[in-house]
């Protein structure tokens, strides 16, 4: 028995609606995670302050051990000066910290362009180094 056009369309609409609901749920959860991270930072800052005020480095409570850690966060001051920064690291014996990376979004775009130019195929010189997995997805606007 053939499925009617109306039934096929209904099934497609239901699948689209499910996709949209899940995307909306993901967006809401990401916003909630962002809020929780902010709450965690605030609670951490409160506990650090209290532990410092009490001159406490470590305490145990309800099966957990809380330890005050002195750490640092490091980032570059100016992303535009990356070349100068890398040169300064090299000159001062820290060149081993520098690693080359390839931006995956830019690589994907590059490969798409190459495939267009080469009748849908990845050039042999590149094929030895990458795997291209086709992926179909649905964009909702």
N, C-alpha and C. Protein backbone atom coordinates (compact mmCIF):
# COMPACT_ATOMS: atom_id res chain seq x y z
N UNK A 1 0.84 -1.18 0.00
CA UNK A 1 0.00 0.00 0.00
C UNK A 1 0.89 1.25 0.00
N UNK A 2 0.71 2.10 -0.93
CA UNK A 2 1.52 3.29 -1.08
C UNK A 2 1.13 4.35 -0.05
N UNK A 3 2.13 5.03 0.44
CA UNK A 3 1.88 6.12 1.38
C UNK A 3 1.47 7.34 0.56
N UNK A 4 0.39 7.94 0.98
CA UNK A 4 -0.11 9.09 0.23
C UNK A 4 0.85 10.27 0.35
N UNK A 5 0.73 11.17 -0.61
CA UNK A 5 1.56 12.38 -0.63
C UNK A 5 1.34 13.17 0.66
N UNK A 6 0.10 13.24 1.11
CA UNK A 6 -0.24 13.97 2.32
C UNK A 6 0.44 13.33 3.54
N UNK A 7 0.45 12.01 3.60
CA UNK A 7 1.08 11.30 4.72
C UNK A 7 2.60 11.52 4.70
N UNK A 8 3.21 11.52 3.51
CA UNK A 8 4.65 11.77 3.39
C UNK A 8 4.98 13.18 3.85
N UNK A 9 4.14 14.12 3.45
CA UNK A 9 4.36 15.51 3.82
C UNK A 9 4.22 15.69 5.33
N UNK A 10 3.22 15.03 5.91
CA UNK A 10 3.00 15.10 7.35
C UNK A 10 4.23 14.56 8.09
N UNK A 11 4.76 13.45 7.61
CA UNK A 11 5.94 12.83 8.23
C UNK A 11 7.14 13.78 8.15
N UNK A 12 7.30 14.44 6.99
CA UNK A 12 8.39 15.40 6.81
C UNK A 12 8.22 16.57 7.77
N UNK A 13 6.98 17.08 7.90
CA UNK A 13 6.71 18.20 8.80
C UNK A 13 7.00 17.82 10.25
N UNK A 14 6.62 16.61 10.64
CA UNK A 14 6.87 16.15 12.00
C UNK A 14 8.38 16.04 12.27
N UNK A 15 9.12 15.52 11.31
CA UNK A 15 10.57 15.41 11.47
C UNK A 15 11.21 16.79 11.55
N UNK A 16 10.74 17.72 10.73
CA UNK A 16 11.24 19.09 10.78
C UNK A 16 10.94 19.75 12.11
N UNK A 17 9.73 19.53 12.60
CA UNK A 17 9.34 20.10 13.88
C UNK A 17 10.20 19.54 15.01
N UNK A 18 10.47 18.23 14.94
CA UNK A 18 11.32 17.59 15.96
C UNK A 18 12.73 18.18 15.94
N UNK A 19 13.28 18.38 14.74
CA UNK A 19 14.60 18.98 14.60
C UNK A 19 14.60 20.38 15.20
N UNK A 20 13.60 21.18 14.90
CA UNK A 20 13.51 22.55 15.40
C UNK A 20 13.40 22.56 16.92
N UNK A 21 12.59 21.67 17.47
CA UNK A 21 12.43 21.58 18.92
C UNK A 21 13.77 21.25 19.59
N UNK A 22 14.52 20.31 19.01
CA UNK A 22 15.80 19.92 19.59
C UNK A 22 16.82 21.05 19.49
N UNK A 23 16.82 21.76 18.36
CA UNK A 23 17.73 22.91 18.22
C UNK A 23 17.40 23.99 19.24
N UNK A 24 16.10 24.24 19.43
CA UNK A 24 15.68 25.23 20.43
C UNK A 24 16.07 24.78 21.84
N UNK A 25 15.91 23.49 22.12
CA UNK A 25 16.28 22.95 23.42
C UNK A 25 17.78 23.10 23.65
N UNK A 26 18.57 22.82 22.62
CA UNK A 26 20.02 22.96 22.72
C UNK A 26 20.39 24.41 23.03
N UNK A 27 19.76 25.35 22.33
CA UNK A 27 20.04 26.77 22.55
C UNK A 27 19.70 27.17 23.98
N UNK A 28 18.58 26.69 24.48
CA UNK A 28 18.17 27.00 25.85
C UNK A 28 19.14 26.39 26.86
N UNK A 29 19.58 25.17 26.61
CA UNK A 29 20.53 24.52 27.52
C UNK A 29 21.89 25.22 27.50
N UNK A 30 22.32 25.67 26.32
CA UNK A 30 23.59 26.41 26.23
C UNK A 30 23.51 27.70 27.03
N UNK A 31 22.37 28.38 26.96
CA UNK A 31 22.19 29.61 27.74
C UNK A 31 22.20 29.29 29.24
N UNK A 32 21.56 28.17 29.59
CA UNK A 32 21.54 27.75 31.00
C UNK A 32 22.94 27.40 31.49
N UNK A 33 23.72 26.71 30.65
CA UNK A 33 25.10 26.37 31.01
C UNK A 33 25.91 27.63 31.22
N UNK A 34 25.71 28.63 30.36
CA UNK A 34 26.43 29.90 30.51
C UNK A 34 26.08 30.54 31.85
N UNK A 35 24.80 30.52 32.22
CA UNK A 35 24.37 31.08 33.50
C UNK A 35 24.98 30.31 34.67
N UNK A 36 24.98 28.98 34.57
CA UNK A 36 25.54 28.14 35.64
C UNK A 36 27.03 28.39 35.78
N UNK A 37 27.73 28.55 34.65
CA UNK A 37 29.17 28.86 34.72
C UNK A 37 29.41 30.17 35.45
N UNK A 38 28.55 31.16 35.21
CA UNK A 38 28.65 32.42 35.93
C UNK A 38 28.41 32.23 37.42
N UNK A 39 27.42 31.41 37.77
CA UNK A 39 27.14 31.11 39.18
C UNK A 39 28.31 30.38 39.83
N UNK A 40 28.92 29.45 39.09
CA UNK A 40 30.08 28.71 39.60
C UNK A 40 31.23 29.67 39.86
N UNK A 41 31.49 30.58 38.93
CA UNK A 41 32.56 31.56 39.11
C UNK A 41 32.31 32.42 40.36
N UNK A 42 31.08 32.87 40.53
CA UNK A 42 30.74 33.69 41.70
C UNK A 42 30.90 32.90 43.00
N UNK A 43 30.43 31.66 43.02
CA UNK A 43 30.56 30.81 44.22
C UNK A 43 32.03 30.53 44.51
N UNK A 44 32.82 30.28 43.46
CA UNK A 44 34.25 30.04 43.63
C UNK A 44 34.92 31.27 44.23
N UNK A 45 34.60 32.45 43.69
CA UNK A 45 35.19 33.69 44.20
C UNK A 45 34.82 33.92 45.66
N UNK A 46 33.56 33.61 46.02
CA UNK A 46 33.12 33.75 47.41
C UNK A 46 33.92 32.81 48.32
N UNK A 47 34.07 31.56 47.90
CA UNK A 47 34.79 30.58 48.71
C UNK A 47 36.26 30.94 48.83
N UNK A 48 36.87 31.41 47.75
CA UNK A 48 38.27 31.85 47.80
C UNK A 48 38.42 32.97 48.83
N UNK A 49 37.53 33.95 48.77
CA UNK A 49 37.60 35.07 49.70
C UNK A 49 37.47 34.59 51.15
N UNK A 50 36.50 33.72 51.40
CA UNK A 50 36.27 33.21 52.76
C UNK A 50 37.48 32.41 53.25
N UNK A 51 38.02 31.54 52.37
CA UNK A 51 39.18 30.74 52.76
C UNK A 51 40.38 31.64 53.05
N UNK A 52 40.58 32.68 52.23
CA UNK A 52 41.69 33.62 52.47
C UNK A 52 41.48 34.37 53.79
N UNK A 53 40.24 34.83 54.02
CA UNK A 53 39.93 35.54 55.26
C UNK A 53 40.19 34.65 56.48
N UNK A 54 39.90 33.35 56.35
CA UNK A 54 40.09 32.40 57.45
C UNK A 54 41.49 31.79 57.47
N UNK A 55 42.33 32.24 56.52
CA UNK A 55 43.68 31.69 56.38
C UNK A 55 43.66 30.17 56.31
N UNK A 56 42.72 29.66 55.51
CA UNK A 56 42.55 28.22 55.33
C UNK A 56 42.96 27.84 53.91
N UNK A 57 43.83 26.85 53.81
CA UNK A 57 44.29 26.40 52.49
C UNK A 57 43.51 25.15 52.05
N UNK A 58 43.02 24.39 53.06
CA UNK A 58 42.34 23.13 52.73
C UNK A 58 41.35 22.79 53.83
N UNK A 59 40.18 22.26 53.42
CA UNK A 59 39.25 21.74 54.41
C UNK A 59 38.44 20.61 53.79
N UNK A 60 37.95 19.73 54.67
CA UNK A 60 37.11 18.60 54.26
C UNK A 60 35.70 18.85 54.76
N UNK A 61 34.74 18.53 53.88
CA UNK A 61 33.34 18.73 54.26
C UNK A 61 32.47 17.78 53.43
N UNK A 62 31.67 16.98 54.11
CA UNK A 62 30.74 16.04 53.48
C UNK A 62 31.41 15.19 52.39
N UNK A 63 32.56 14.66 52.71
CA UNK A 63 33.23 13.74 51.79
C UNK A 63 34.02 14.40 50.67
N UNK A 64 34.07 15.71 50.65
CA UNK A 64 34.84 16.43 49.63
C UNK A 64 35.97 17.20 50.29
N UNK A 65 37.08 17.30 49.57
CA UNK A 65 38.20 18.10 50.04
C UNK A 65 38.29 19.34 49.18
N UNK A 66 38.31 20.48 49.82
CA UNK A 66 38.39 21.77 49.14
C UNK A 66 39.80 22.32 49.37
N UNK A 67 40.51 22.60 48.29
CA UNK A 67 41.88 23.08 48.39
C UNK A 67 42.02 24.38 47.62
N UNK A 68 42.60 25.38 48.26
CA UNK A 68 42.84 26.67 47.62
C UNK A 68 44.06 26.53 46.72
N UNK A 69 43.90 26.83 45.45
CA UNK A 69 44.96 26.69 44.46
C UNK A 69 45.32 28.07 43.91
N UNK A 70 46.60 28.37 43.93
CA UNK A 70 47.07 29.59 43.27
C UNK A 70 47.45 29.22 41.85
N UNK A 71 46.82 29.83 40.88
CA UNK A 71 47.06 29.52 39.48
C UNK A 71 47.04 30.83 38.70
N UNK A 72 47.35 30.74 37.44
CA UNK A 72 47.29 31.93 36.57
C UNK A 72 46.59 31.56 35.28
N UNK A 73 46.09 32.57 34.62
CA UNK A 73 45.51 32.42 33.28
C UNK A 73 46.31 33.32 32.36
N UNK A 74 46.74 32.79 31.23
CA UNK A 74 47.60 33.54 30.32
C UNK A 74 46.94 33.63 28.95
N UNK A 75 46.97 34.82 28.37
CA UNK A 75 46.50 35.00 27.00
C UNK A 75 47.34 36.09 26.36
N UNK A 76 47.34 36.12 25.05
CA UNK A 76 48.11 37.15 24.36
C UNK A 76 47.37 38.47 24.44
N UNK A 77 48.13 39.55 24.50
CA UNK A 77 47.53 40.88 24.62
C UNK A 77 46.90 41.35 23.32
N UNK A 78 47.57 41.06 22.21
CA UNK A 78 47.11 41.55 20.92
C UNK A 78 47.22 40.44 19.88
N UNK A 79 46.08 39.88 19.45
CA UNK A 79 46.12 38.79 18.47
C UNK A 79 46.82 39.18 17.16
N UNK A 80 46.83 40.48 16.85
CA UNK A 80 47.46 40.94 15.62
C UNK A 80 48.98 40.85 15.67
N UNK A 81 49.53 40.73 16.88
CA UNK A 81 50.99 40.69 17.01
C UNK A 81 51.51 39.26 17.18
N UNK A 82 50.77 38.29 16.68
CA UNK A 82 51.14 36.89 16.85
C UNK A 82 52.53 36.59 16.28
N UNK A 83 52.84 37.14 15.12
CA UNK A 83 54.14 36.90 14.50
C UNK A 83 55.26 37.42 15.39
N UNK A 84 55.10 38.62 15.91
CA UNK A 84 56.11 39.20 16.80
C UNK A 84 56.23 38.38 18.09
N UNK A 85 55.10 37.97 18.60
CA UNK A 85 55.08 37.16 19.82
C UNK A 85 55.83 35.84 19.60
N UNK A 86 55.55 35.18 18.50
CA UNK A 86 56.22 33.91 18.19
C UNK A 86 57.73 34.13 18.05
N UNK A 87 58.12 35.21 17.41
CA UNK A 87 59.54 35.52 17.24
C UNK A 87 60.20 35.76 18.60
N UNK A 88 59.51 36.47 19.48
CA UNK A 88 60.05 36.72 20.82
C UNK A 88 60.21 35.41 21.59
N UNK A 89 59.25 34.50 21.45
CA UNK A 89 59.38 33.19 22.10
C UNK A 89 60.59 32.44 21.56
N UNK A 90 60.75 32.43 20.24
CA UNK A 90 61.89 31.74 19.63
C UNK A 90 63.22 32.32 20.11
N UNK A 91 63.33 33.65 20.10
CA UNK A 91 64.58 34.32 20.50
C UNK A 91 64.94 34.05 21.95
N UNK A 92 63.91 33.76 22.77
CA UNK A 92 64.15 33.57 24.19
C UNK A 92 64.05 32.11 24.63
N UNK A 93 64.28 31.20 23.67
CA UNK A 93 64.37 29.78 23.99
C UNK A 93 63.06 29.09 24.26
N UNK A 94 61.95 29.69 23.85
CA UNK A 94 60.64 29.06 24.10
C UNK A 94 59.91 28.74 22.80
N UNK A 95 60.66 28.59 21.72
CA UNK A 95 60.06 28.26 20.43
C UNK A 95 59.32 26.94 20.42
N UNK A 96 59.72 26.05 21.33
CA UNK A 96 59.05 24.74 21.42
C UNK A 96 57.57 24.85 21.82
N UNK A 97 57.17 26.00 22.32
CA UNK A 97 55.76 26.20 22.71
C UNK A 97 54.86 26.46 21.51
N UNK A 98 55.46 26.79 20.38
CA UNK A 98 54.70 27.18 19.20
C UNK A 98 54.33 25.93 18.40
N UNK A 99 53.05 25.82 18.09
CA UNK A 99 52.59 24.71 17.25
C UNK A 99 51.79 25.28 16.08
N UNK A 100 51.96 24.63 14.94
CA UNK A 100 51.17 25.03 13.77
C UNK A 100 49.81 24.36 13.86
N UNK A 101 48.78 25.09 13.51
CA UNK A 101 47.44 24.52 13.47
C UNK A 101 46.78 24.90 12.16
N UNK A 102 45.80 24.11 11.79
CA UNK A 102 45.01 24.40 10.60
C UNK A 102 43.58 24.60 11.06
N UNK A 103 43.00 25.73 10.72
CA UNK A 103 41.62 26.04 11.08
C UNK A 103 40.70 25.11 10.29
N UNK A 104 39.90 24.33 11.01
CA UNK A 104 39.07 23.32 10.36
C UNK A 104 38.01 23.93 9.44
N UNK A 105 37.45 25.08 9.82
CA UNK A 105 36.44 25.72 8.96
C UNK A 105 37.07 26.20 7.66
N UNK A 106 38.27 26.78 7.76
CA UNK A 106 38.96 27.25 6.56
C UNK A 106 39.39 26.07 5.69
N UNK A 107 39.83 24.98 6.32
CA UNK A 107 40.21 23.79 5.56
C UNK A 107 39.00 23.23 4.82
N UNK A 108 37.85 23.17 5.48
CA UNK A 108 36.63 22.67 4.86
C UNK A 108 36.27 23.51 3.64
N UNK A 109 36.33 24.82 3.80
CA UNK A 109 36.02 25.73 2.69
C UNK A 109 37.00 25.52 1.54
N UNK A 110 38.28 25.39 1.87
CA UNK A 110 39.32 25.16 0.87
C UNK A 110 39.06 23.86 0.10
N UNK A 111 38.71 22.81 0.82
CA UNK A 111 38.46 21.51 0.19
C UNK A 111 37.21 21.57 -0.69
N UNK A 112 36.18 22.28 -0.25
CA UNK A 112 34.97 22.44 -1.08
C UNK A 112 35.33 23.11 -2.40
N UNK A 113 36.13 24.16 -2.32
CA UNK A 113 36.56 24.86 -3.54
C UNK A 113 37.37 23.95 -4.45
N UNK A 114 38.29 23.19 -3.86
CA UNK A 114 39.11 22.26 -4.66
C UNK A 114 38.24 21.21 -5.35
N UNK A 115 37.26 20.70 -4.62
CA UNK A 115 36.38 19.68 -5.19
C UNK A 115 35.59 20.24 -6.37
N UNK A 116 35.15 21.50 -6.27
CA UNK A 116 34.44 22.13 -7.38
C UNK A 116 35.33 22.21 -8.61
N UNK A 117 36.60 22.53 -8.39
CA UNK A 117 37.55 22.69 -9.49
C UNK A 117 37.99 21.34 -10.08
N UNK A 118 37.81 20.25 -9.31
CA UNK A 118 38.30 18.94 -9.72
C UNK A 118 37.19 17.91 -9.88
N UNK A 119 36.07 18.34 -10.45
CA UNK A 119 34.94 17.44 -10.75
C UNK A 119 34.51 16.61 -9.54
N UNK A 120 34.43 17.27 -8.38
CA UNK A 120 33.92 16.61 -7.18
C UNK A 120 34.92 15.74 -6.45
N UNK A 121 36.17 15.77 -6.85
CA UNK A 121 37.18 14.92 -6.22
C UNK A 121 38.23 15.77 -5.49
N UNK A 122 38.76 15.20 -4.43
CA UNK A 122 39.87 15.83 -3.71
C UNK A 122 41.15 15.53 -4.48
N UNK A 123 41.99 16.51 -4.72
CA UNK A 123 43.24 16.25 -5.44
C UNK A 123 44.08 15.18 -4.74
N UNK A 124 44.82 14.41 -5.52
CA UNK A 124 45.62 13.30 -4.98
C UNK A 124 46.60 13.77 -3.92
N UNK A 125 47.21 14.93 -4.14
CA UNK A 125 48.21 15.40 -3.18
C UNK A 125 47.62 15.62 -1.80
N UNK A 126 46.32 15.94 -1.73
CA UNK A 126 45.65 16.21 -0.47
C UNK A 126 44.94 14.98 0.07
N UNK A 127 44.49 14.13 -0.81
CA UNK A 127 43.72 12.95 -0.43
C UNK A 127 44.50 12.04 0.52
N UNK A 128 45.80 12.06 0.41
CA UNK A 128 46.62 11.20 1.28
C UNK A 128 46.60 11.68 2.73
N UNK A 129 46.17 12.93 2.95
CA UNK A 129 46.27 13.51 4.29
C UNK A 129 44.94 13.74 4.99
N UNK A 130 43.85 13.75 4.26
CA UNK A 130 42.56 14.07 4.88
C UNK A 130 41.50 13.04 4.53
N UNK A 131 40.49 12.99 5.34
CA UNK A 131 39.30 12.18 5.07
C UNK A 131 38.15 13.16 4.91
N UNK A 132 37.38 12.97 3.87
CA UNK A 132 36.22 13.82 3.63
C UNK A 132 34.97 12.96 3.78
N UNK A 133 34.18 13.26 4.79
CA UNK A 133 32.94 12.53 5.02
C UNK A 133 31.77 13.41 4.61
N UNK A 134 30.98 12.96 3.62
CA UNK A 134 29.81 13.74 3.23
C UNK A 134 28.81 13.81 4.39
N UNK A 135 28.18 14.93 4.51
CA UNK A 135 27.22 15.13 5.59
C UNK A 135 26.09 15.99 5.10
N UNK A 136 24.90 15.45 5.17
CA UNK A 136 23.73 16.25 4.82
C UNK A 136 23.08 16.73 6.10
N UNK A 137 22.68 17.97 6.08
CA UNK A 137 22.03 18.55 7.25
C UNK A 137 20.93 19.48 6.79
N UNK A 138 20.08 19.87 7.70
CA UNK A 138 18.98 20.76 7.38
C UNK A 138 19.17 22.05 8.15
N UNK A 139 19.14 23.16 7.43
CA UNK A 139 19.24 24.48 8.07
C UNK A 139 17.83 25.01 8.25
N UNK A 140 17.56 25.55 9.42
CA UNK A 140 16.25 26.13 9.71
C UNK A 140 16.45 27.63 9.91
N UNK A 141 15.67 28.41 9.18
CA UNK A 141 15.75 29.87 9.34
C UNK A 141 14.44 30.38 9.87
